[in-house]
Amino acid sequence: MFKFLAGLFKILVISLITGAGLSALNLSAADILQQLGLTPERVLGLLQRGAEWAIPNIVLGSMIIVPVWLVVYLLRPPRS
């Protein structure tokens, strides 16, 4: 758990430094999206479409993976 939190903290610090650097260069998220030919609404739509595709597939896969994991977990020899 500590490694996860340490990694998350590192990502937050690096993101803060990067954001400050981009802000010093007078760049905003809207400017970068505009240069890529995207709008915030288009990005949101793409994220929604991705979630609509991914969530049912995750649920479908978990219907197989979770029971198999449970059987393997229950049939493992006890640890000493």
PDB file of N, CA and C in Angstrom:
ATOM      1  N   MET A   1       0.825  -1.192   0.000  1.00  0.00           N
ATOM      2  CA  MET A   1       0.000   0.000   0.000  1.00  0.00           C
ATOM      3  C   MET A   1       0.868   1.255   0.000  1.00  0.00           C
ATOM      4  N   PHE A   2       1.995   1.182   0.727  1.00  0.00           N
ATOM      5  CA  PHE A   2       2.875   2.342   0.791  1.00  0.00           C
ATOM      6  C   PHE A   2       3.466   2.657  -0.576  1.00  0.00           C
ATOM      7  N   LYS A   3       3.855   1.610  -1.337  1.00  0.00           N
ATOM      8  CA  LYS A   3       4.421   1.828  -2.670  1.00  0.00           C
ATOM      9  C   LYS A   3       3.401   2.488  -3.586  1.00  0.00           C
ATOM     10  N   PHE A   4       2.149   2.078  -3.468  1.00  0.00           N
ATOM     11  CA  PHE A   4       1.091   2.673  -4.283  1.00  0.00           C
ATOM     12  C   PHE A   4       0.936   4.151  -3.968  1.00  0.00           C
ATOM     13  N   LEU A   5       0.879   4.484  -2.679  1.00  0.00           N
ATOM     14  CA  LEU A   5       0.724   5.886  -2.282  1.00  0.00           C
ATOM     15  C   LEU A   5       1.946   6.711  -2.665  1.00  0.00           C
ATOM     16  N   ALA A   6       3.140   6.127  -2.546  1.00  0.00           N
ATOM     17  CA  ALA A   6       4.353   6.834  -2.945  1.00  0.00           C
ATOM     18  C   ALA A   6       4.344   7.100  -4.447  1.00  0.00           C
ATOM     19  N   GLY A   7       3.933   6.120  -5.232  1.00  0.00           N
ATOM     20  CA  GLY A   7       3.835   6.313  -6.681  1.00  0.00           C
ATOM     21  C   GLY A   7       2.807   7.358  -7.048  1.00  0.00           C
ATOM     22  N   LEU A   8       1.672   7.338  -6.360  1.00  0.00           N
ATOM     23  CA  LEU A   8       0.632   8.336  -6.598  1.00  0.00           C
ATOM     24  C   LEU A   8       1.134   9.732  -6.256  1.00  0.00           C
ATOM     25  N   PHE A   9       1.864   9.849  -5.160  1.00  0.00           N
ATOM     26  CA  PHE A   9       2.420  11.142  -4.763  1.00  0.00           C
ATOM     27  C   PHE A   9       3.414  11.646  -5.805  1.00  0.00           C
ATOM     28  N   LYS A  10       4.264  10.764  -6.331  1.00  0.00           N
ATOM     29  CA  LYS A  10       5.226  11.151  -7.363  1.00  0.00           C
ATOM     30  C   LYS A  10       4.511  11.659  -8.608  1.00  0.00           C
ATOM     31  N   ILE A  11       3.453  10.974  -9.012  1.00  0.00           N
ATOM     32  CA  ILE A  11       2.690  11.410 -10.185  1.00  0.00           C
ATOM     33  C   ILE A  11       2.086  12.785  -9.942  1.00  0.00           C
ATOM     34  N   LEU A  12       1.559  13.013  -8.743  1.00  0.00           N
ATOM     35  CA  LEU A  12       0.973  14.314  -8.422  1.00  0.00           C
ATOM     36  C   LEU A  12       2.014  15.425  -8.466  1.00  0.00           C
ATOM     37  N   VAL A  13       3.195  15.175  -7.916  1.00  0.00           N
ATOM     38  CA  VAL A  13       4.246  16.197  -7.906  1.00  0.00           C
ATOM     39  C   VAL A  13       4.725  16.494  -9.324  1.00  0.00           C
ATOM     40  N   ILE A  14       4.955  15.459 -10.122  1.00  0.00           N
ATOM     41  CA  ILE A  14       5.408  15.663 -11.497  1.00  0.00           C
ATOM     42  C   ILE A  14       4.340  16.388 -12.307  1.00  0.00           C
ATOM     43  N   SER A  15       3.071  16.057 -12.088  1.00  0.00           N
ATOM     44  CA  SER A  15       1.981  16.746 -12.783  1.00  0.00           C
ATOM     45  C   SER A  15       1.935  18.218 -12.395  1.00  0.00           C
ATOM     46  N   LEU A  16       2.151  18.509 -11.127  1.00  0.00           N
ATOM     47  CA  LEU A  16       2.162  19.895 -10.668  1.00  0.00           C
ATOM     48  C   LEU A  16       3.300  20.673 -11.312  1.00  0.00           C
ATOM     49  N   ILE A  17       4.484  20.091 -11.360  1.00  0.00           N
ATOM     50  CA  ILE A  17       5.637  20.757 -11.973  1.00  0.00           C
ATOM     51  C   ILE A  17       5.402  20.971 -13.463  1.00  0.00           C
ATOM     52  N   THR A  18       4.871  19.953 -14.145  1.00  0.00           N
ATOM     53  CA  THR A  18       4.591  20.077 -15.574  1.00  0.00           C
ATOM     54  C   THR A  18       3.541  21.146 -15.832  1.00  0.00           C
ATOM     55  N   GLY A  19       2.487  21.158 -15.030  1.00  0.00           N
ATOM     56  CA  GLY A  19       1.449  22.174 -15.179  1.00  0.00           C
ATOM     57  C   GLY A  19       1.979  23.575 -14.950  1.00  0.00           C
ATOM     58  N   ALA A  20       2.846  23.736 -13.964  1.00  0.00           N
ATOM     59  CA  ALA A  20       3.440  25.050 -13.714  1.00  0.00           C
ATOM     60  C   ALA A  20       4.313  25.479 -14.887  1.00  0.00           C
ATOM     61  N   GLY A  21       5.056  24.534 -15.452  1.00  0.00           N
ATOM     62  CA  GLY A  21       5.890  24.851 -16.617  1.00  0.00           C
ATOM     63  C   GLY A  21       5.062  25.251 -17.823  1.00  0.00           C
ATOM     64  N   LEU A  22       3.993  24.526 -18.081  1.00  0.00           N
ATOM     65  CA  LEU A  22       3.122  24.876 -19.208  1.00  0.00           C
ATOM     66  C   LEU A  22       2.437  26.212 -18.976  1.00  0.00           C
ATOM     67  N   SER A  23       2.066  26.482 -17.741  1.00  0.00           N
ATOM     68  CA  SER A  23       1.451  27.762 -17.410  1.00  0.00           C
ATOM     69  C   SER A  23       2.440  28.899 -17.624  1.00  0.00           C
ATOM     70  N   ALA A  24       3.707  28.682 -17.293  1.00  0.00           N
ATOM     71  CA  ALA A  24       4.734  29.705 -17.514  1.00  0.00           C
ATOM     72  C   ALA A  24       4.921  29.987 -18.998  1.00  0.00           C
ATOM     73  N   LEU A  25       4.645  29.002 -19.832  1.00  0.00           N
ATOM     74  CA  LEU A  25       4.734  29.176 -21.287  1.00  0.00           C
ATOM     75  C   LEU A  25       3.424  29.666 -21.891  1.00  0.00           C
ATOM     76  N   ASN A  26       2.468  30.030 -21.037  1.00  0.00           N
ATOM     77  CA  ASN A  26       1.144  30.513 -21.456  1.00  0.00           C
ATOM     78  C   ASN A  26       0.396  29.488 -22.299  1.00  0.00           C
ATOM     79  N   LEU A  27       0.500  28.230 -21.927  1.00  0.00           N
ATOM     80  CA  LEU A  27      -0.251  27.167 -22.589  1.00  0.00           C
ATOM     81  C   LEU A  27      -1.340  26.680 -21.647  1.00  0.00           C
ATOM     82  N   SER A  28      -2.518  26.459 -22.206  1.00  0.00           N
ATOM     83  CA  SER A  28      -3.622  25.915 -21.414  1.00  0.00           C
ATOM     84  C   SER A  28      -4.102  24.625 -22.070  1.00  0.00           C
ATOM     85  N   ALA A  29      -4.934  23.906 -21.350  1.00  0.00           N
ATOM     86  CA  ALA A  29      -5.481  22.664 -21.897  1.00  0.00           C
ATOM     87  C   ALA A  29      -6.303  22.948 -23.150  1.00  0.00           C
ATOM     88  N   ALA A  30      -7.058  24.041 -23.138  1.00  0.00           N
ATOM     89  CA  ALA A  30      -7.874  24.397 -24.304  1.00  0.00           C
ATOM     90  C   ALA A  30      -6.989  24.694 -25.514  1.00  0.00           C
ATOM     91  N   ASP A  31      -5.858  25.367 -25.304  1.00  0.00           N
ATOM     92  CA  ASP A  31      -4.938  25.655 -26.410  1.00  0.00           C
ATOM     93  C   ASP A  31      -4.371  24.375 -27.008  1.00  0.00           C
ATOM     94  N   ILE A  32      -3.978  23.455 -26.148  1.00  0.00           N
ATOM     95  CA  ILE A  32      -3.406  22.194 -26.631  1.00  0.00           C
ATOM     96  C   ILE A  32      -4.454  21.388 -27.389  1.00  0.00           C
ATOM     97  N   LEU A  33      -5.678  21.332 -26.865  1.00  0.00           N
ATOM     98  CA  LEU A  33      -6.748  20.617 -27.566  1.00  0.00           C
ATOM     99  C   LEU A  33      -7.047  21.262 -28.913  1.00  0.00           C
ATOM    100  N   GLN A  34      -7.036  22.589 -28.953  1.00  0.00           N
ATOM    101  CA  GLN A  34      -7.309  23.296 -30.207  1.00  0.00           C
ATOM    102  C   GLN A  34      -6.237  22.983 -31.243  1.00  0.00           C
ATOM    103  N   GLN A  35      -4.988  22.905 -30.818  1.00  0.00           N
ATOM    104  CA  GLN A  35      -3.910  22.571 -31.744  1.00  0.00           C
ATOM    105  C   GLN A  35      -4.048  21.145 -32.271  1.00  0.00           C
ATOM    106  N   LEU A  36      -4.650  20.280 -31.488  1.00  0.00           N
ATOM    107  CA  LEU A  36      -4.877  18.901 -31.919  1.00  0.00           C
ATOM    108  C   LEU A  36      -6.163  18.748 -32.733  1.00  0.00           C
ATOM    109  N   GLY A  37      -6.926  19.827 -32.849  1.00  0.00           N
ATOM    110  CA  GLY A  37      -8.171  19.779 -33.597  1.00  0.00           C
ATOM    111  C   GLY A  37      -9.325  19.196 -32.811  1.00  0.00           C
ATOM    112  N   LEU A  38      -9.263  19.287 -31.504  1.00  0.00           N
ATOM    113  CA  LEU A  38     -10.311  18.745 -30.645  1.00  0.00           C
ATOM    114  C   LEU A  38     -10.939  19.855 -29.824  1.00  0.00           C
ATOM    115  N   THR A  39     -12.143  19.584 -29.361  1.00  0.00           N
ATOM    116  CA  THR A  39     -12.808  20.484 -28.427  1.00  0.00           C
ATOM    117  C   THR A  39     -13.035  19.717 -27.124  1.00  0.00           C
ATOM    118  N   PRO A  40     -13.222  20.422 -26.020  1.00  0.00           N
ATOM    119  CA  PRO A  40     -13.504  19.704 -24.770  1.00  0.00           C
ATOM    120  C   PRO A  40     -14.743  18.812 -24.876  1.00  0.00           C
ATOM    121  N   GLU A  41     -15.745  19.258 -25.633  1.00  0.00           N
ATOM    122  CA  GLU A  41     -16.955  18.451 -25.804  1.00  0.00           C
ATOM    123  C   GLU A  41     -16.653  17.170 -26.574  1.00  0.00           C
ATOM    124  N   ARG A  42     -15.794  17.274 -27.582  1.00  0.00           N
ATOM    125  CA  ARG A  42     -15.422  16.102 -28.379  1.00  0.00           C
ATOM    126  C   ARG A  42     -14.647  15.100 -27.513  1.00  0.00           C
ATOM    127  N   VAL A  43     -13.737  15.607 -26.687  1.00  0.00           N
ATOM    128  CA  VAL A  43     -12.966  14.730 -25.803  1.00  0.00           C
ATOM    129  C   VAL A  43     -13.898  14.022 -24.827  1.00  0.00           C
ATOM    130  N   LEU A  44     -14.854  14.758 -24.262  1.00  0.00           N
ATOM    131  CA  LEU A  44     -15.814  14.155 -23.341  1.00  0.00           C
ATOM    132  C   LEU A  44     -16.636  13.074 -24.045  1.00  0.00           C
ATOM    133  N   GLY A  45     -17.050  13.351 -25.279  1.00  0.00           N
ATOM    134  CA  GLY A  45     -17.791  12.352 -26.050  1.00  0.00           C
ATOM    135  C   GLY A  45     -16.970  11.100 -26.312  1.00  0.00           C
ATOM    136  N   LEU A  46     -15.686  11.284 -26.633  1.00  0.00           N
ATOM    137  CA  LEU A  46     -14.812  10.129 -26.856  1.00  0.00           C
ATOM    138  C   LEU A  46     -14.631   9.316 -25.577  1.00  0.00           C
ATOM    139  N   LEU A  47     -14.484  10.001 -24.445  1.00  0.00           N
ATOM    140  CA  LEU A  47     -14.359   9.297 -23.166  1.00  0.00           C
ATOM    141  C   LEU A  47     -15.632   8.528 -22.828  1.00  0.00           C
ATOM    142  N   GLN A  48     -16.791   9.121 -23.115  1.00  0.00           N
ATOM    143  CA  GLN A  48     -18.056   8.439 -22.851  1.00  0.00           C
ATOM    144  C   GLN A  48     -18.213   7.212 -23.735  1.00  0.00           C
ATOM    145  N   ARG A  49     -17.851   7.350 -25.017  1.00  0.00           N
ATOM    146  CA  ARG A  49     -17.931   6.199 -25.919  1.00  0.00           C
ATOM    147  C   ARG A  49     -16.997   5.086 -25.468  1.00  0.00           C
ATOM    148  N   GLY A  50     -15.808   5.473 -25.015  1.00  0.00           N
ATOM    149  CA  GLY A  50     -14.857   4.478 -24.521  1.00  0.00           C
ATOM    150  C   GLY A  50     -15.383   3.752 -23.294  1.00  0.00           C
ATOM    151  N   ALA A  51     -15.991   4.503 -22.383  1.00  0.00           N
ATOM    152  CA  ALA A  51     -16.552   3.893 -21.174  1.00  0.00           C
ATOM    153  C   ALA A  51     -17.729   2.993 -21.522  1.00  0.00           C
ATOM    154  N   GLU A  52     -18.567   3.417 -22.466  1.00  0.00           N
ATOM    155  CA  GLU A  52     -19.710   2.598 -22.882  1.00  0.00           C
ATOM    156  C   GLU A  52     -19.251   1.280 -23.496  1.00  0.00           C
ATOM    157  N   TRP A  53     -18.088   1.285 -24.135  1.00  0.00           N
ATOM    158  CA  TRP A  53     -17.557   0.056 -24.703  1.00  0.00           C
ATOM    159  C   TRP A  53     -16.865  -0.783 -23.631  1.00  0.00           C
ATOM    160  N   ALA A  54     -16.084  -0.148 -22.758  1.00  0.00           N
ATOM    161  CA  ALA A  54     -15.226  -0.879 -21.826  1.00  0.00           C
ATOM    162  C   ALA A  54     -15.997  -1.513 -20.677  1.00  0.00           C
ATOM    163  N   ILE A  55     -16.954  -0.817 -20.111  1.00  0.00           N
ATOM    164  CA  ILE A  55     -17.627  -1.313 -18.907  1.00  0.00           C
ATOM    165  C   ILE A  55     -18.333  -2.647 -19.147  1.00  0.00           C
ATOM    166  N   PRO A  56     -19.117  -2.801 -20.219  1.00  0.00           N
ATOM    167  CA  PRO A  56     -19.735  -4.126 -20.435  1.00  0.00           C
ATOM    168  C   PRO A  56     -18.706  -5.236 -20.652  1.00  0.00           C
ATOM    169  N   ASN A  57     -17.596  -4.918 -21.317  1.00  0.00           N
ATOM    170  CA  ASN A  57     -16.568  -5.936 -21.536  1.00  0.00           C
ATOM    171  C   ASN A  57     -15.858  -6.300 -20.239  1.00  0.00           C
ATOM    172  N   ILE A  58     -15.652  -5.342 -19.359  1.00  0.00           N
ATOM    173  CA  ILE A  58     -15.050  -5.631 -18.057  1.00  0.00           C
ATOM    174  C   ILE A  58     -15.972  -6.530 -17.243  1.00  0.00           C
ATOM    175  N   VAL A  59     -17.259  -6.222 -17.240  1.00  0.00           N
ATOM    176  CA  VAL A  59     -18.222  -7.037 -16.493  1.00  0.00           C
ATOM    177  C   VAL A  59     -18.280  -8.447 -17.070  1.00  0.00           C
ATOM    178  N   LEU A  60     -18.312  -8.559 -18.387  1.00  0.00           N
ATOM    179  CA  LEU A  60     -18.357  -9.868 -19.030  1.00  0.00           C
ATOM    180  C   LEU A  60     -17.118 -10.694 -18.697  1.00  0.00           C
ATOM    181  N   GLY A  61     -15.960 -10.084 -18.771  1.00  0.00           N
ATOM    182  CA  GLY A  61     -14.726 -10.797 -18.436  1.00  0.00           C
ATOM    183  C   GLY A  61     -14.674 -11.209 -16.981  1.00  0.00           C
ATOM    184  N   SER A  62     -15.167 -10.347 -16.112  1.00  0.00           N
ATOM    185  CA  SER A  62     -15.123 -10.669 -14.680  1.00  0.00           C
ATOM    186  C   SER A  62     -16.069 -11.809 -14.332  1.00  0.00           C
ATOM    187  N   MET A  63     -17.083 -12.041 -15.152  1.00  0.00           N
ATOM    188  CA  MET A  63     -17.995 -13.161 -14.907  1.00  0.00           C
ATOM    189  C   MET A  63     -17.278 -14.498 -15.078  1.00  0.00           C
ATOM    190  N   ILE A  64     -16.174 -14.522 -15.803  1.00  0.00           N
ATOM    191  CA  ILE A  64     -15.371 -15.733 -15.965  1.00  0.00           C
ATOM    192  C   ILE A  64     -14.190 -15.724 -14.999  1.00  0.00           C
ATOM    193  N   ILE A  65     -13.499 -14.607 -14.926  1.00  0.00           N
ATOM    194  CA  ILE A  65     -12.257 -14.528 -14.162  1.00  0.00           C
ATOM    195  C   ILE A  65     -12.485 -14.686 -12.661  1.00  0.00           C
ATOM    196  N   VAL A  66     -13.487 -14.029 -12.103  1.00  0.00           N
ATOM    197  CA  VAL A  66     -13.703 -14.066 -10.653  1.00  0.00           C
ATOM    198  C   VAL A  66     -14.030 -15.478 -10.158  1.00  0.00           C
ATOM    199  N   PRO A  67     -14.944 -16.212 -10.782  1.00  0.00           N
ATOM    200  CA  PRO A  67     -15.175 -17.588 -10.301  1.00  0.00           C
ATOM    201  C   PRO A  67     -13.951 -18.493 -10.448  1.00  0.00           C
ATOM    202  N   VAL A  68     -13.203 -18.353 -11.540  1.00  0.00           N
ATOM    203  CA  VAL A  68     -11.995 -19.167 -11.712  1.00  0.00           C
ATOM    204  C   VAL A  68     -10.987 -18.833 -10.622  1.00  0.00           C
ATOM    205  N   TRP A  69     -10.799 -17.544 -10.344  1.00  0.00           N
ATOM    206  CA  TRP A  69      -9.879 -17.133  -9.279  1.00  0.00           C
ATOM    207  C   TRP A  69     -10.334 -17.691  -7.937  1.00  0.00           C
ATOM    208  N   LEU A  70     -11.633 -17.644  -7.669  1.00  0.00           N
ATOM    209  CA  LEU A  70     -12.155 -18.133  -6.395  1.00  0.00           C
ATOM    210  C   LEU A  70     -11.886 -19.628  -6.227  1.00  0.00           C
ATOM    211  N   VAL A  71     -12.107 -20.409  -7.274  1.00  0.00           N
ATOM    212  CA  VAL A  71     -11.855 -21.853  -7.205  1.00  0.00           C
ATOM    213  C   VAL A  71     -10.369 -22.114  -6.974  1.00  0.00           C
ATOM    214  N   VAL A  72      -9.508 -21.429  -7.712  1.00  0.00           N
ATOM    215  CA  VAL A  72      -8.064 -21.611  -7.540  1.00  0.00           C
ATOM    216  C   VAL A  72      -7.647 -21.209  -6.131  1.00  0.00           C
ATOM    217  N   TYR A  73      -8.191 -20.118  -5.624  1.00  0.00           N
ATOM    218  CA  TYR A  73      -7.861 -19.645  -4.274  1.00  0.00           C
ATOM    219  C   TYR A  73      -8.293 -20.654  -3.212  1.00  0.00           C
ATOM    220  N   LEU A  74      -9.475 -21.225  -3.383  1.00  0.00           N
ATOM    221  CA  LEU A  74      -9.978 -22.180  -2.394  1.00  0.00           C
ATOM    222  C   LEU A  74      -9.249 -23.517  -2.441  1.00  0.00           C
ATOM    223  N   LEU A  75      -8.720 -23.898  -3.595  1.00  0.00           N
ATOM    224  CA  LEU A  75      -8.063 -25.196  -3.734  1.00  0.00           C
ATOM    225  C   LEU A  75      -6.554 -25.143  -3.508  1.00  0.00           C
ATOM    226  N   ARG A  76      -6.014 -23.978  -3.231  1.00  0.00           N
ATOM    227  CA  ARG A  76      -4.581 -23.878  -2.949  1.00  0.00           C
ATOM    228  C   ARG A  76      -4.252 -24.573  -1.636  1.00  0.00           C
ATOM    229  N   PRO A  77      -3.065 -25.160  -1.552  1.00  0.00           N
ATOM    230  CA  PRO A  77      -2.676 -25.752  -0.268  1.00  0.00           C
ATOM    231  C   PRO A  77      -2.461 -24.645   0.770  1.00  0.00           C
ATOM    232  N   PRO A  78      -2.723 -24.958   2.033  1.00  0.00           N
ATOM    233  CA  PRO A  78      -2.559 -23.928   3.070  1.00  0.00           C
ATOM    234  C   PRO A  78      -1.096 -23.518   3.221  1.00  0.00           C
ATOM    235  N   ARG A  79      -0.907 -22.262   3.570  1.00  0.00           N
ATOM    236  CA  ARG A  79       0.449 -21.761   3.816  1.00  0.00           C
ATOM    237  C   ARG A  79       0.879 -22.139   5.225  1.00  0.00           C
ATOM    238  N   SER A  80       2.156 -22.414   5.365  1.00  0.00           N
ATOM    239  CA  SER A  80       2.633 -22.769   6.709  1.00  0.00           C
ATOM    240  C   SER A  80       3.508 -21.681   7.284  1.00  0.00           C
TER     241      SER A  80
END
